[in-house]
C-alpha atoms as a PDB file:
ATOM      1  CA  MET A   1      87.458 -51.410 150.548  1.00  0.00           C
ATOM      2  CA  THR A   2      85.321 -49.829 153.247  1.00  0.00           C
ATOM      3  CA  ALA A   3      81.645 -50.675 153.581  1.00  0.00           C
ATOM      4  CA  LEU A   4      79.517 -48.363 155.696  1.00  0.00           C
ATOM      5  CA  LYS A   5      75.905 -49.039 156.630  1.00  0.00           C
ATOM      6  CA  PHE A   6      73.654 -45.994 156.496  1.00  0.00           C
ATOM      7  CA  GLU A   7      69.969 -45.204 156.903  1.00  0.00           C
ATOM      8  CA  GLY A   8      69.633 -41.693 155.540  1.00  0.00           C
ATOM      9  CA  ALA A   9      71.163 -39.474 152.899  1.00  0.00           C
ATOM     10  CA  ARG A  10      70.945 -35.867 151.749  1.00  0.00           C
ATOM     11  CA  VAL A  11      72.469 -33.636 149.113  1.00  0.00           C
ATOM     12  CA  THR A  12      73.721 -30.102 149.751  1.00  0.00           C
ATOM     13  CA  GLN A  13      74.752 -27.561 147.153  1.00  0.00           C
ATOM     14  CA  GLU A  14      77.473 -25.072 148.046  1.00  0.00           C
ATOM     15  CA  TYR A  15      77.565 -21.565 146.700  1.00  0.00           C
ATOM     16  CA  GLY A  16      79.854 -21.848 143.704  1.00  0.00           C
ATOM     17  CA  GLY A  17      78.635 -25.195 142.492  1.00  0.00           C
ATOM     18  CA  ASP A  18      80.118 -28.033 144.594  1.00  0.00           C
ATOM     19  CA  THR A  19      77.579 -30.695 145.489  1.00  0.00           C
ATOM     20  CA  TRP A  20      77.990 -32.913 148.577  1.00  0.00           C
ATOM     21  CA  LEU A  21      76.369 -36.210 149.429  1.00  0.00           C
ATOM     22  CA  SER A  22      75.955 -36.739 153.186  1.00  0.00           C
ATOM     23  CA  LEU A  23      75.132 -40.113 154.743  1.00  0.00           C
ATOM     24  CA  ARG A  24      73.804 -40.838 158.239  1.00  0.00           C
ATOM     25  CA  VAL A  25      76.078 -43.774 159.127  1.00  0.00           C
ATOM     26  CA  LYS A  26      76.040 -46.333 161.930  1.00  0.00           C
ATOM     27  CA  ASP A  27      79.824 -46.367 162.511  1.00  0.00           C
ATOM     28  CA  GLY A  28      81.199 -42.858 162.968  1.00  0.00           C
ATOM     29  CA  ASP A  29      84.793 -44.026 163.549  1.00  0.00           C
ATOM     30  CA  ALA A  30      84.852 -45.959 160.275  1.00  0.00           C
ATOM     31  CA  ALA A  31      83.390 -42.940 158.467  1.00  0.00           C
ATOM     32  CA  ARG A  32      86.117 -40.673 159.899  1.00  0.00           C
ATOM     33  CA  ARG A  33      88.853 -43.112 158.823  1.00  0.00           C
ATOM     34  CA  LEU A  34      87.377 -43.248 155.338  1.00  0.00           C
ATOM     35  CA  CYS A  35      87.242 -39.442 155.122  1.00  0.00           C
ATOM     36  CA  ASP A  36      90.845 -39.160 156.355  1.00  0.00           C
ATOM     37  CA  THR A  37      91.988 -41.577 153.661  1.00  0.00           C
ATOM     38  CA  VAL A  38      90.010 -39.955 150.848  1.00  0.00           C
ATOM     39  CA  ASN A  39      90.965 -36.402 151.818  1.00  0.00           C
ATOM     40  CA  THR A  40      94.701 -37.094 152.141  1.00  0.00           C
ATOM     41  CA  THR A  41      95.439 -39.209 149.056  1.00  0.00           C
ATOM     42  CA  GLY A  42      94.299 -36.760 146.381  1.00  0.00           C
ATOM     43  CA  LYS A  43      92.994 -39.682 144.309  1.00  0.00           C
ATOM     44  CA  LEU A  44      89.623 -40.083 142.634  1.00  0.00           C
ATOM     45  CA  TYR A  45      87.275 -42.599 144.297  1.00  0.00           C
ATOM     46  CA  VAL A  46      84.020 -44.305 143.303  1.00  0.00           C
ATOM     47  CA  ALA A  47      81.229 -45.044 145.791  1.00  0.00           C
ATOM     48  CA  GLU A  48      78.742 -47.814 145.107  1.00  0.00           C
ATOM     49  CA  VAL A  49      75.459 -47.815 147.020  1.00  0.00           C
ATOM     50  CA  LYS A  50      73.662 -51.138 147.504  1.00  0.00           C
ATOM     51  CA  GLN A  51      70.660 -52.098 149.571  1.00  0.00           C
ATOM     52  CA  TYR A  52      71.719 -53.912 152.724  1.00  0.00           C
ATOM     53  CA  ARG A  53      70.681 -57.568 152.829  1.00  0.00           C
ATOM     54  CA  GLU A  54      71.091 -60.081 155.585  1.00  0.00           C
ATOM     55  CA  ARG A  55      73.234 -63.129 154.947  1.00  0.00           C
ATOM     56  CA  ARG A  56      72.165 -66.630 155.766  1.00  0.00           C
ATOM     57  CA  SER A  57      73.724 -68.214 158.841  1.00  0.00           C
ATOM     58  CA  LEU A  58      76.560 -70.643 158.335  1.00  0.00           C
ATOM     59  CA  ASP A  59      74.564 -73.162 160.393  1.00  0.00           C
ATOM     60  CA  ALA A  60      71.663 -73.068 157.927  1.00  0.00           C
ATOM     61  CA  ASN A  61      74.015 -73.343 154.958  1.00  0.00           C
ATOM     62  CA  ALA A  62      76.029 -76.163 156.543  1.00  0.00           C
ATOM     63  CA  TYR A  63      72.847 -78.029 157.469  1.00  0.00           C
ATOM     64  CA  PHE A  64      71.566 -77.747 153.905  1.00  0.00           C
ATOM     65  CA  TRP A  65      74.767 -79.408 152.639  1.00  0.00           C
ATOM     66  CA  VAL A  66      74.606 -82.166 155.275  1.00  0.00           C
ATOM     67  CA  LEU A  67      71.089 -83.046 154.118  1.00  0.00           C
ATOM     68  CA  CYS A  68      72.143 -82.709 150.494  1.00  0.00           C
ATOM     69  CA  GLY A  69      74.881 -85.304 151.117  1.00  0.00           C
ATOM     70  CA  LYS A  70      72.493 -87.721 152.852  1.00  0.00           C
ATOM     71  CA  LEU A  71      69.943 -87.429 150.063  1.00  0.00           C
ATOM     72  CA  ALA A  72      72.645 -87.872 147.406  1.00  0.00           C
ATOM     73  CA  ALA A  73      73.737 -91.134 149.050  1.00  0.00           C
ATOM     74  CA  VAL A  74      70.192 -92.522 149.172  1.00  0.00           C
ATOM     75  CA  LEU A  75      69.274 -91.476 145.630  1.00  0.00           C
ATOM     76  CA  ARG A  76      72.739 -92.276 144.219  1.00  0.00           C
ATOM     77  CA  MET A  77      73.001 -88.820 142.712  1.00  0.00           C
ATOM     78  CA  SER A  78      75.666 -86.160 143.024  1.00  0.00           C
ATOM     79  CA  MET A  79      75.258 -83.429 145.622  1.00  0.00           C
ATOM     80  CA  THR A  80      75.553 -80.907 142.776  1.00  0.00           C
ATOM     81  CA  GLU A  81      72.540 -82.421 140.980  1.00  0.00           C
ATOM     82  CA  ILE A  82      70.475 -82.260 144.162  1.00  0.00           C
ATOM     83  CA  TYR A  83      71.567 -78.689 144.932  1.00  0.00           C
ATOM     84  CA  ARG A  84      70.631 -77.562 141.420  1.00  0.00           C
ATOM     85  CA  TRP A  85      67.273 -79.317 141.656  1.00  0.00           C
ATOM     86  CA  CYS A  86      66.598 -77.444 144.926  1.00  0.00           C
ATOM     87  CA  VAL A  87      67.680 -74.108 143.401  1.00  0.00           C
ATOM     88  CA  ARG A  88      65.194 -74.575 140.553  1.00  0.00           C
ATOM     89  CA  ASP A  89      62.415 -75.513 142.971  1.00  0.00           C
ATOM     90  CA  ILE A  90      62.329 -72.587 145.447  1.00  0.00           C
ATOM     91  CA  GLY A  91      60.973 -69.849 143.152  1.00  0.00           C
ATOM     92  CA  ASP A  92      61.707 -66.119 142.990  1.00  0.00           C
ATOM     93  CA  ASN A  93      65.432 -66.706 142.422  1.00  0.00           C
ATOM     94  CA  PHE A  94      65.833 -66.151 138.687  1.00  0.00           C
ATOM     95  CA  GLN A  95      65.329 -63.691 135.902  1.00  0.00           C
ATOM     96  CA  ILE A  96      64.251 -64.242 132.313  1.00  0.00           C
ATOM     97  CA  VAL A  97      66.823 -62.904 129.870  1.00  0.00           C
ATOM     98  CA  PRO A  98      66.410 -62.729 126.078  1.00  0.00           C
ATOM     99  CA  ILE A  99      69.612 -63.990 124.427  1.00  0.00           C
ATOM    100  CA  ARG A 100      70.398 -64.110 120.725  1.00  0.00           C
ATOM    101  CA  LYS A 101      70.328 -67.759 119.593  1.00  0.00           C
ATOM    102  CA  ASP A 102      73.982 -67.742 118.509  1.00  0.00           C
ATOM    103  CA  GLY A 103      74.978 -66.340 121.928  1.00  0.00           C
ATOM    104  CA  ILE A 104      73.260 -68.961 124.116  1.00  0.00           C
ATOM    105  CA  GLY A 105      76.429 -70.997 124.652  1.00  0.00           C
ATOM    106  CA  GLU A 106      78.414 -67.915 125.670  1.00  0.00           C
ATOM    107  CA  TRP A 107      75.613 -66.749 127.992  1.00  0.00           C
ATOM    108  CA  GLU A 108      75.553 -70.164 129.667  1.00  0.00           C
ATOM    109  CA  ARG A 109      79.352 -70.122 130.060  1.00  0.00           C
ATOM    110  CA  ILE A 110      79.336 -66.643 131.649  1.00  0.00           C
ATOM    111  CA  TRP A 111      76.344 -67.244 133.949  1.00  0.00           C
ATOM    112  CA  THR A 112      77.283 -70.723 135.198  1.00  0.00           C
ATOM    113  CA  ALA A 113      80.886 -69.701 135.912  1.00  0.00           C
ATOM    114  CA  LYS A 114      79.593 -67.813 138.974  1.00  0.00           C
ATOM    115  CA  GLY A 115      78.998 -71.005 140.977  1.00  0.00           C
ATOM    116  CA  LEU A 116      77.207 -74.353 141.269  1.00  0.00           C
ATOM    117  CA  GLY A 117      73.737 -72.874 141.711  1.00  0.00           C
ATOM    118  CA  TRP A 118      74.008 -70.429 138.814  1.00  0.00           C
ATOM    119  CA  ILE A 119      71.949 -72.308 136.255  1.00  0.00           C
ATOM    120  CA  VAL A 120      70.427 -71.400 132.901  1.00  0.00           C
ATOM    121  CA  GLU A 121      67.536 -73.073 131.115  1.00  0.00           C
ATOM    122  CA  ASP A 122      66.481 -72.359 127.539  1.00  0.00           C
ATOM    123  CA  LEU A 123      62.743 -71.606 127.597  1.00  0.00           C
ATOM    124  CA  GLY A 124      62.536 -71.433 123.807  1.00  0.00           C
ATOM    125  CA  PRO A 125      62.269 -68.738 121.157  1.00  0.00           C
ATOM    126  CA  CYS A 126      61.027 -65.244 121.995  1.00  0.00           C
ATOM    127  CA  ARG A 127      57.773 -64.463 120.226  1.00  0.00           C
ATOM    128  CA  ASN A 128      58.510 -60.757 119.810  1.00  0.00           C
ATOM    129  CA  LEU A 129      62.283 -60.950 119.237  1.00  0.00           C
ATOM    130  CA  PRO A 130      63.078 -63.079 116.200  1.00  0.00           C
ATOM    131  CA  GLY A 131      66.387 -64.937 116.572  1.00  0.00           C
ATOM    132  CA  TYR A 132      66.347 -64.695 120.400  1.00  0.00           C
ATOM    133  CA  HIS A 133      65.549 -67.264 123.089  1.00  0.00           C
ATOM    134  CA  TYR A 134      64.293 -66.655 126.613  1.00  0.00           C
ATOM    135  CA  MET A 135      66.777 -67.994 129.157  1.00  0.00           C
ATOM    136  CA  ALA A 136      65.752 -68.621 132.777  1.00  0.00           C
ATOM    137  CA  SER A 137      68.888 -67.533 134.655  1.00  0.00           C
ATOM    138  CA  TYR A 138      68.915 -68.784 138.269  1.00  0.00           C
ATOM    139  CA  TYR A 139      70.986 -67.182 141.039  1.00  0.00           C
ATOM    140  CA  GLY A 140      73.053 -69.332 143.349  1.00  0.00           C
ATOM    141  CA  SER A 141      72.271 -69.457 147.066  1.00  0.00           C
ATOM    142  CA  SER A 142      75.118 -67.063 147.944  1.00  0.00           C
ATOM    143  CA  LEU A 143      72.713 -64.213 147.078  1.00  0.00           C
ATOM    144  CA  TYR A 144      69.637 -65.602 148.814  1.00  0.00           C
ATOM    145  CA  THR A 145      67.551 -63.611 151.230  1.00  0.00           C
ATOM    146  CA  THR A 146      66.473 -65.155 154.535  1.00  0.00           C
ATOM    147  CA  ASP A 147      63.152 -66.177 152.968  1.00  0.00           C
ATOM    148  CA  GLN A 148      64.824 -67.800 149.958  1.00  0.00           C
ATOM    149  CA  MET A 149      67.270 -69.702 152.177  1.00  0.00           C
ATOM    150  CA  SER A 150      64.369 -70.866 154.326  1.00  0.00           C
ATOM    151  CA  ARG A 151      62.584 -72.199 151.223  1.00  0.00           C
ATOM    152  CA  LEU A 152      65.786 -73.909 150.036  1.00  0.00           C
ATOM    153  CA  ILE A 153      66.054 -75.741 153.356  1.00  0.00           C
ATOM    154  CA  ASP A 154      62.326 -76.570 153.272  1.00  0.00           C
ATOM    155  CA  VAL A 155      62.771 -78.206 149.853  1.00  0.00           C
ATOM    156  CA  ILE A 156      65.714 -80.385 150.964  1.00  0.00           C
ATOM    157  CA  VAL A 157      64.026 -81.294 154.273  1.00  0.00           C
ATOM    158  CA  GLN A 158      60.848 -82.412 152.498  1.00  0.00           C
ATOM    159  CA  ALA A 159      62.839 -84.483 149.979  1.00  0.00           C
ATOM    160  CA  CYS A 160      64.813 -86.105 152.810  1.00  0.00           C
ATOM    161  CA  GLN A 161      61.688 -86.901 154.801  1.00  0.00           C
ATOM    162  CA  GLU A 162      60.127 -88.540 151.722  1.00  0.00           C
ATOM    163  CA  GLN A 163      63.187 -90.844 151.619  1.00  0.00           C
ATOM    164  CA  GLY A 164      63.023 -91.640 155.344  1.00  0.00           C
ATOM    165  CA  ILE A 165      66.076 -89.506 156.198  1.00  0.00           C
ATOM    166  CA  GLU A 166      65.895 -88.003 159.670  1.00  0.00           C
ATOM    167  CA  THR A 167      65.932 -84.195 159.770  1.00  0.00           C
ATOM    168  CA  ALA A 168      65.945 -81.511 162.437  1.00  0.00           C
ATOM    169  CA  THR A 169      62.687 -80.659 164.162  1.00  0.00           C
ATOM    170  CA  PRO A 170      60.647 -77.679 162.913  1.00  0.00           C
ATOM    171  CA  ASP A 171      61.817 -75.682 165.972  1.00  0.00           C
ATOM    172  CA  GLU A 172      65.470 -76.494 165.266  1.00  0.00           C
ATOM    173  CA  LEU A 173      65.022 -75.505 161.622  1.00  0.00           C
ATOM    174  CA  ALA A 174      63.330 -72.229 162.605  1.00  0.00           C
ATOM    175  CA  ASN A 175      66.216 -71.490 164.972  1.00  0.00           C
ATOM    176  CA  MET A 176      68.784 -72.051 162.215  1.00  0.00           C
ATOM    177  CA  ILE A 177      66.958 -69.642 159.928  1.00  0.00           C
ATOM    178  CA  SER A 178      66.556 -67.085 162.725  1.00  0.00           C
ATOM    179  CA  LEU A 179      70.344 -67.023 163.149  1.00  0.00           C
ATOM    180  CA  TYR A 180      70.553 -65.663 159.648  1.00  0.00           C
ATOM    181  CA  GLY A 181      72.221 -62.258 159.982  1.00  0.00           C
ATOM    182  CA  GLY A 182      75.165 -60.042 159.232  1.00  0.00           C
ATOM    183  CA  GLU A 183      76.185 -58.229 156.098  1.00  0.00           C
ATOM    184  CA  ALA A 184      75.851 -60.030 152.797  1.00  0.00           C
ATOM    185  CA  ASP A 185      78.987 -60.930 150.857  1.00  0.00           C
ATOM    186  CA  ASP A 186      77.708 -59.052 147.860  1.00  0.00           C
ATOM    187  CA  GLY A 187      74.086 -58.266 148.610  1.00  0.00           C
ATOM    188  CA  HIS A 188      72.794 -57.369 145.158  1.00  0.00           C
ATOM    189  CA  VAL A 189      71.544 -59.023 142.068  1.00  0.00           C
ATOM    190  CA  PRO A 190      74.208 -58.765 139.392  1.00  0.00           C
ATOM    191  CA  ASP A 191      73.763 -56.733 136.230  1.00  0.00           C
ATOM    192  CA  VAL A 192      73.039 -58.840 133.204  1.00  0.00           C
ATOM    193  CA  PRO A 193      75.827 -58.498 130.619  1.00  0.00           C
ATOM    194  CA  ALA A 194      74.871 -58.168 126.967  1.00  0.00           C
ATOM    195  CA  VAL A 195      75.568 -61.274 124.903  1.00  0.00           C
END
């Protein structure tokens, strides 16, 4: 699969009805290779357009897990429990989804299968949808923006400091977050399947 970053797009209509989508890309060589492949195979292709998002740095992610391990040892909890507590605490990393009451178990199975930080919480019955419950459906940190990752690290750092666990200095933490860059693994919020 070829991923091309672009900043502009336009549509042109040929006489006779063909419509073309043109993209102003960053990597002309990659675009030419893609066109050569598409134009010579005679197969049908699908293009998916997603907003580009930066990915957190591996240093910031690794540091989060180091602190998570230290805090788990002090509190005698699992690292998974601490990670999930942090995910719930950062804000702006979930959506509220109405799920039919008899489908809650299936929704939880589907959502949580995506990873450790993919959590659901039953917020109770929907007032305007009889037989449905509102489910808070949290995204795991693999989809976090720079700001969300920064808040995740802030939460674990504060919890560690409250337990007397030494953490990096504010400047070192800021540097880790500033290294956040590159193309996201996926870069979009997933569609919510019907349950």
